[in-house]
Amino acid sequence: MVIKVYIASSSGSTAIKKQQQDVLGFLEANKIEFEEKDIAANEENRKWMRENVPEESRPASGNPLPPRIFNDSRYLGDYEAFFEARENNAVYAFLGLTAPPGSKEAEALAKQEA
């Protein structure tokens, strides 16, 4: 299982840049392995991302914008979904990964199961 984050290295939007940095920074800080896929520099990445974002997760008009997060080819969500998972200490579950022992998420799961 590989976490893939689709980003645009040359986005003109400061909001998109900030969201991308937020997602990548969190994954790096928590030592979660991921692949960064640039849709601005690689047409194949752009095409793949656009084709694999489910219909219900697409904007009303235009193409889906980065950052978009996948686990292998399974779509996980956009920045809003990631942010909500992070606020709820549920990022590992969102990513389809097991929370490491001692993490807030693992402790919260242990309390639920007890």
N, C-alpha and C. Protein backbone atom coordinates (compact mmCIF):
# COMPACT_ATOMS: atom_id res chain seq x y z
N MET A 1 0.84 -1.19 0.00
CA MET A 1 0.00 0.00 0.00
C MET A 1 0.88 1.24 0.00
N VAL A 2 0.61 2.09 -0.94
CA VAL A 2 1.39 3.32 -1.05
C VAL A 2 0.44 4.52 -1.03
N ILE A 3 0.71 5.44 -0.13
CA ILE A 3 -0.05 6.68 -0.10
C ILE A 3 0.49 7.57 -1.21
N LYS A 4 -0.41 8.08 -2.05
CA LYS A 4 -0.02 8.95 -3.15
C LYS A 4 -0.73 10.28 -2.97
N VAL A 5 0.05 11.36 -2.99
CA VAL A 5 -0.52 12.70 -2.87
C VAL A 5 -0.28 13.42 -4.19
N TYR A 6 -1.37 13.78 -4.84
CA TYR A 6 -1.28 14.50 -6.12
C TYR A 6 -1.28 15.99 -5.83
N ILE A 7 -0.21 16.65 -6.30
CA ILE A 7 0.00 18.07 -6.06
C ILE A 7 0.29 18.78 -7.38
N ALA A 8 0.28 20.11 -7.33
CA ALA A 8 0.68 20.91 -8.49
C ALA A 8 1.83 21.80 -8.05
N SER A 9 3.02 21.52 -8.57
CA SER A 9 4.21 22.26 -8.15
C SER A 9 4.16 23.72 -8.58
N SER A 10 3.41 24.01 -9.62
CA SER A 10 3.39 25.39 -10.11
C SER A 10 1.99 25.98 -10.06
N SER A 11 1.30 25.77 -8.96
CA SER A 11 -0.04 26.33 -8.81
C SER A 11 0.04 27.82 -8.55
N GLY A 12 -0.86 28.56 -9.16
CA GLY A 12 -0.92 30.00 -8.94
C GLY A 12 -1.73 30.35 -7.70
N SER A 13 -2.38 29.35 -7.11
CA SER A 13 -3.23 29.56 -5.95
C SER A 13 -2.45 29.38 -4.65
N THR A 14 -2.41 30.41 -3.82
CA THR A 14 -1.71 30.28 -2.54
C THR A 14 -2.46 29.32 -1.62
N ALA A 15 -3.79 29.24 -1.74
CA ALA A 15 -4.57 28.32 -0.91
C ALA A 15 -4.18 26.88 -1.24
N ILE A 16 -4.07 26.56 -2.52
CA ILE A 16 -3.70 25.19 -2.92
C ILE A 16 -2.28 24.89 -2.46
N LYS A 17 -1.36 25.84 -2.62
CA LYS A 17 0.02 25.62 -2.16
C LYS A 17 0.06 25.33 -0.66
N LYS A 18 -0.70 26.11 0.12
CA LYS A 18 -0.72 25.93 1.57
C LYS A 18 -1.29 24.57 1.94
N GLN A 19 -2.38 24.17 1.26
CA GLN A 19 -2.99 22.87 1.55
C GLN A 19 -2.03 21.73 1.23
N GLN A 20 -1.34 21.84 0.09
CA GLN A 20 -0.37 20.81 -0.30
C GLN A 20 0.73 20.72 0.73
N GLN A 21 1.27 21.86 1.16
CA GLN A 21 2.34 21.87 2.15
C GLN A 21 1.86 21.28 3.47
N ASP A 22 0.61 21.56 3.82
CA ASP A 22 0.04 21.06 5.06
C ASP A 22 -0.03 19.53 5.05
N VAL A 23 -0.53 18.95 3.96
CA VAL A 23 -0.65 17.50 3.84
C VAL A 23 0.74 16.85 3.84
N LEU A 24 1.62 17.34 2.96
CA LEU A 24 2.97 16.76 2.85
C LEU A 24 3.75 16.91 4.15
N GLY A 25 3.64 18.07 4.77
CA GLY A 25 4.34 18.33 6.03
C GLY A 25 3.88 17.39 7.14
N PHE A 26 2.57 17.15 7.20
CA PHE A 26 2.04 16.23 8.22
C PHE A 26 2.56 14.81 7.99
N LEU A 27 2.51 14.35 6.75
CA LEU A 27 2.98 13.00 6.44
C LEU A 27 4.46 12.86 6.76
N GLU A 28 5.27 13.86 6.39
CA GLU A 28 6.71 13.82 6.69
C GLU A 28 6.96 13.83 8.19
N ALA A 29 6.28 14.72 8.92
CA ALA A 29 6.49 14.84 10.36
C ALA A 29 6.13 13.55 11.10
N ASN A 30 5.15 12.82 10.57
CA ASN A 30 4.72 11.58 11.20
C ASN A 30 5.35 10.34 10.58
N LYS A 31 6.35 10.59 9.73
CA LYS A 31 7.10 9.51 9.09
C LYS A 31 6.20 8.50 8.38
N ILE A 32 5.17 9.03 7.71
CA ILE A 32 4.27 8.21 6.91
C ILE A 32 4.81 8.23 5.48
N GLU A 33 5.13 7.05 4.95
CA GLU A 33 5.69 6.98 3.60
C GLU A 33 4.62 7.36 2.57
N PHE A 34 5.05 8.14 1.58
CA PHE A 34 4.12 8.55 0.54
C PHE A 34 4.89 8.87 -0.74
N GLU A 35 4.16 8.91 -1.84
CA GLU A 35 4.72 9.34 -3.12
C GLU A 35 4.04 10.65 -3.48
N GLU A 36 4.86 11.60 -3.87
CA GLU A 36 4.35 12.90 -4.32
C GLU A 36 4.23 12.83 -5.84
N LYS A 37 3.03 13.08 -6.34
CA LYS A 37 2.77 13.01 -7.78
C LYS A 37 2.43 14.41 -8.28
N ASP A 38 3.30 14.97 -9.09
CA ASP A 38 3.11 16.34 -9.58
C ASP A 38 2.28 16.35 -10.86
N ILE A 39 1.10 16.98 -10.80
CA ILE A 39 0.25 17.04 -11.98
C ILE A 39 0.61 18.20 -12.90
N ALA A 40 1.43 19.14 -12.41
CA ALA A 40 1.83 20.28 -13.24
C ALA A 40 2.98 19.91 -14.16
N ALA A 41 3.85 19.01 -13.71
CA ALA A 41 5.04 18.66 -14.48
C ALA A 41 4.89 17.34 -15.24
N ASN A 42 3.81 16.61 -14.98
CA ASN A 42 3.66 15.29 -15.59
C ASN A 42 2.22 15.09 -16.05
N GLU A 43 2.02 15.06 -17.34
CA GLU A 43 0.68 14.93 -17.92
C GLU A 43 0.02 13.61 -17.52
N GLU A 44 0.81 12.53 -17.42
CA GLU A 44 0.25 11.23 -17.02
C GLU A 44 -0.35 11.31 -15.61
N ASN A 45 0.36 11.98 -14.69
CA ASN A 45 -0.15 12.14 -13.32
C ASN A 45 -1.46 12.92 -13.33
N ARG A 46 -1.50 14.00 -14.11
CA ARG A 46 -2.69 14.84 -14.17
C ARG A 46 -3.87 14.02 -14.70
N LYS A 47 -3.64 13.30 -15.77
CA LYS A 47 -4.68 12.50 -16.40
C LYS A 47 -5.18 11.42 -15.43
N TRP A 48 -4.24 10.71 -14.78
CA TRP A 48 -4.62 9.65 -13.85
C TRP A 48 -5.45 10.20 -12.70
N MET A 49 -5.00 11.31 -12.11
CA MET A 49 -5.73 11.90 -10.97
C MET A 49 -7.15 12.27 -11.40
N ARG A 50 -7.28 12.95 -12.51
CA ARG A 50 -8.60 13.40 -12.96
C ARG A 50 -9.53 12.23 -13.26
N GLU A 51 -8.98 11.15 -13.80
CA GLU A 51 -9.80 9.99 -14.14
C GLU A 51 -10.19 9.17 -12.91
N ASN A 52 -9.43 9.29 -11.82
CA ASN A 52 -9.65 8.42 -10.67
C ASN A 52 -10.30 9.10 -9.46
N VAL A 53 -10.62 10.38 -9.57
CA VAL A 53 -11.41 11.03 -8.52
C VAL A 53 -12.87 10.67 -8.82
N PRO A 54 -13.57 10.04 -7.86
CA PRO A 54 -14.94 9.62 -8.11
C PRO A 54 -15.86 10.79 -8.47
N GLU A 55 -16.89 10.49 -9.22
CA GLU A 55 -17.83 11.51 -9.69
C GLU A 55 -18.38 12.36 -8.55
N GLU A 56 -18.74 11.73 -7.43
CA GLU A 56 -19.33 12.47 -6.31
C GLU A 56 -18.33 13.38 -5.59
N SER A 57 -17.04 13.22 -5.88
CA SER A 57 -16.01 14.05 -5.25
C SER A 57 -15.47 15.13 -6.19
N ARG A 58 -16.08 15.23 -7.35
CA ARG A 58 -15.63 16.23 -8.33
C ARG A 58 -16.35 17.56 -8.10
N PRO A 59 -15.70 18.67 -8.46
CA PRO A 59 -16.39 19.96 -8.36
C PRO A 59 -17.53 20.02 -9.37
N ALA A 60 -18.51 20.90 -9.11
CA ALA A 60 -19.66 21.04 -10.00
C ALA A 60 -19.23 21.39 -11.42
N SER A 61 -18.19 22.22 -11.52
CA SER A 61 -17.67 22.54 -12.85
C SER A 61 -16.14 22.51 -12.80
N GLY A 62 -15.54 22.20 -13.92
CA GLY A 62 -14.08 22.15 -13.99
C GLY A 62 -13.54 20.81 -13.51
N ASN A 63 -12.23 20.76 -13.39
CA ASN A 63 -11.53 19.53 -12.99
C ASN A 63 -11.24 19.53 -11.49
N PRO A 64 -11.07 18.33 -10.91
CA PRO A 64 -10.68 18.27 -9.50
C PRO A 64 -9.30 18.90 -9.31
N LEU A 65 -9.16 19.66 -8.25
CA LEU A 65 -7.90 20.35 -7.96
C LEU A 65 -7.12 19.63 -6.87
N PRO A 66 -5.80 19.76 -6.90
CA PRO A 66 -4.98 19.16 -5.85
C PRO A 66 -5.12 19.95 -4.54
N PRO A 67 -4.68 19.41 -3.42
CA PRO A 67 -4.15 18.06 -3.27
C PRO A 67 -5.27 17.02 -3.23
N ARG A 68 -4.98 15.86 -3.80
CA ARG A 68 -5.89 14.70 -3.77
C ARG A 68 -5.07 13.52 -3.26
N ILE A 69 -5.67 12.72 -2.39
CA ILE A 69 -4.93 11.67 -1.70
C ILE A 69 -5.51 10.30 -2.05
N PHE A 70 -4.62 9.37 -2.36
CA PHE A 70 -4.99 8.00 -2.72
C PHE A 70 -4.16 7.02 -1.91
N ASN A 71 -4.71 5.82 -1.69
CA ASN A 71 -3.94 4.70 -1.16
C ASN A 71 -3.89 3.72 -2.32
N ASP A 72 -2.72 3.59 -2.96
CA ASP A 72 -2.57 2.91 -4.24
C ASP A 72 -3.54 3.56 -5.21
N SER A 73 -4.54 2.83 -5.70
CA SER A 73 -5.47 3.44 -6.64
C SER A 73 -6.81 3.78 -5.99
N ARG A 74 -6.92 3.57 -4.67
CA ARG A 74 -8.19 3.85 -3.97
C ARG A 74 -8.21 5.32 -3.54
N TYR A 75 -9.22 6.04 -4.01
CA TYR A 75 -9.35 7.46 -3.68
C TYR A 75 -9.72 7.62 -2.21
N LEU A 76 -8.98 8.48 -1.50
CA LEU A 76 -9.24 8.71 -0.09
C LEU A 76 -9.95 10.04 0.14
N GLY A 77 -9.53 11.06 -0.59
CA GLY A 77 -10.19 12.35 -0.39
C GLY A 77 -9.32 13.52 -0.78
N ASP A 78 -9.87 14.70 -0.54
CA ASP A 78 -9.18 15.95 -0.83
C ASP A 78 -8.65 16.56 0.47
N TYR A 79 -8.26 17.82 0.42
CA TYR A 79 -7.71 18.46 1.61
C TYR A 79 -8.73 18.53 2.73
N GLU A 80 -9.98 18.86 2.39
CA GLU A 80 -11.02 18.98 3.42
C GLU A 80 -11.19 17.68 4.19
N ALA A 81 -11.21 16.55 3.47
CA ALA A 81 -11.36 15.24 4.12
C ALA A 81 -10.14 14.93 4.99
N PHE A 82 -8.95 15.26 4.50
CA PHE A 82 -7.72 15.05 5.26
C PHE A 82 -7.73 15.91 6.54
N PHE A 83 -8.12 17.18 6.38
CA PHE A 83 -8.14 18.11 7.51
C PHE A 83 -9.10 17.63 8.59
N GLU A 84 -10.28 17.17 8.17
CA GLU A 84 -11.27 16.67 9.12
C GLU A 84 -10.73 15.45 9.86
N ALA A 85 -10.09 14.53 9.15
CA ALA A 85 -9.51 13.34 9.77
C ALA A 85 -8.43 13.75 10.77
N ARG A 86 -7.61 14.74 10.41
CA ARG A 86 -6.54 15.19 11.30
C ARG A 86 -7.13 15.81 12.57
N GLU A 87 -8.17 16.61 12.41
CA GLU A 87 -8.82 17.26 13.57
C GLU A 87 -9.42 16.22 14.51
N ASN A 88 -9.85 15.08 13.96
CA ASN A 88 -10.47 14.03 14.76
C ASN A 88 -9.48 12.94 15.18
N ASN A 89 -8.18 13.20 15.03
CA ASN A 89 -7.14 12.21 15.33
C ASN A 89 -7.43 10.88 14.65
N ALA A 90 -7.79 10.96 13.35
CA ALA A 90 -8.15 9.74 12.61
C ALA A 90 -7.44 9.67 11.26
N VAL A 91 -6.25 10.28 11.17
CA VAL A 91 -5.55 10.31 9.88
C VAL A 91 -5.14 8.92 9.42
N TYR A 92 -4.67 8.09 10.34
CA TYR A 92 -4.23 6.75 9.92
C TYR A 92 -5.41 5.95 9.36
N ALA A 93 -6.57 6.03 10.02
CA ALA A 93 -7.77 5.35 9.51
C ALA A 93 -8.15 5.92 8.15
N PHE A 94 -8.09 7.25 8.01
CA PHE A 94 -8.39 7.90 6.74
C PHE A 94 -7.47 7.37 5.63
N LEU A 95 -6.20 7.20 5.95
CA LEU A 95 -5.22 6.74 4.97
C LEU A 95 -5.28 5.22 4.74
N GLY A 96 -6.04 4.51 5.58
CA GLY A 96 -6.11 3.06 5.45
C GLY A 96 -4.91 2.38 6.07
N LEU A 97 -4.29 3.03 7.06
CA LEU A 97 -3.09 2.51 7.71
C LEU A 97 -3.39 2.21 9.18
N THR A 98 -2.55 1.41 9.79
CA THR A 98 -2.66 1.13 11.22
C THR A 98 -1.93 2.22 11.99
N ALA A 99 -2.60 2.79 12.98
CA ALA A 99 -1.98 3.84 13.79
C ALA A 99 -0.85 3.23 14.63
N PRO A 100 0.31 3.89 14.69
CA PRO A 100 1.42 3.35 15.48
C PRO A 100 1.14 3.43 16.98
N PRO A 101 1.65 2.47 17.75
CA PRO A 101 1.46 2.50 19.21
C PRO A 101 1.97 3.83 19.78
N GLY A 102 1.22 4.37 20.72
CA GLY A 102 1.63 5.62 21.36
C GLY A 102 1.09 6.87 20.66
N SER A 103 0.56 6.72 19.45
CA SER A 103 0.00 7.89 18.76
C SER A 103 -1.36 8.23 19.38
N LYS A 104 -1.78 9.48 19.23
CA LYS A 104 -3.08 9.89 19.75
C LYS A 104 -4.19 9.02 19.19
N GLU A 105 -4.06 8.70 17.92
CA GLU A 105 -5.09 7.89 17.27
C GLU A 105 -5.15 6.48 17.85
N ALA A 106 -4.00 5.86 18.09
CA ALA A 106 -3.95 4.51 18.66
C ALA A 106 -4.53 4.53 20.07
N GLU A 107 -4.22 5.56 20.85
CA GLU A 107 -4.74 5.68 22.22
C GLU A 107 -6.25 5.87 22.20
N ALA A 108 -6.75 6.66 21.26
CA ALA A 108 -8.20 6.87 21.16
C ALA A 108 -8.92 5.58 20.77
N LEU A 109 -8.31 4.81 19.86
CA LEU A 109 -8.90 3.52 19.47
C LEU A 109 -8.92 2.55 20.64
N ALA A 110 -7.85 2.53 21.42
CA ALA A 110 -7.77 1.63 22.57
C ALA A 110 -8.85 1.96 23.59
N LYS A 111 -9.12 3.25 23.80
CA LYS A 111 -10.17 3.65 24.74
C LYS A 111 -11.55 3.22 24.24
N GLN A 112 -11.76 3.30 22.92
CA GLN A 112 -13.06 2.89 22.35
C GLN A 112 -13.28 1.39 22.52
N GLU A 113 -12.20 0.63 22.40
CA GLU A 113 -12.32 -0.83 22.47
C GLU A 113 -12.43 -1.33 23.91
N ALA A 114 -11.99 -0.53 24.86
CA ALA A 114 -11.99 -0.95 26.27
C ALA A 114 -13.38 -0.90 26.88
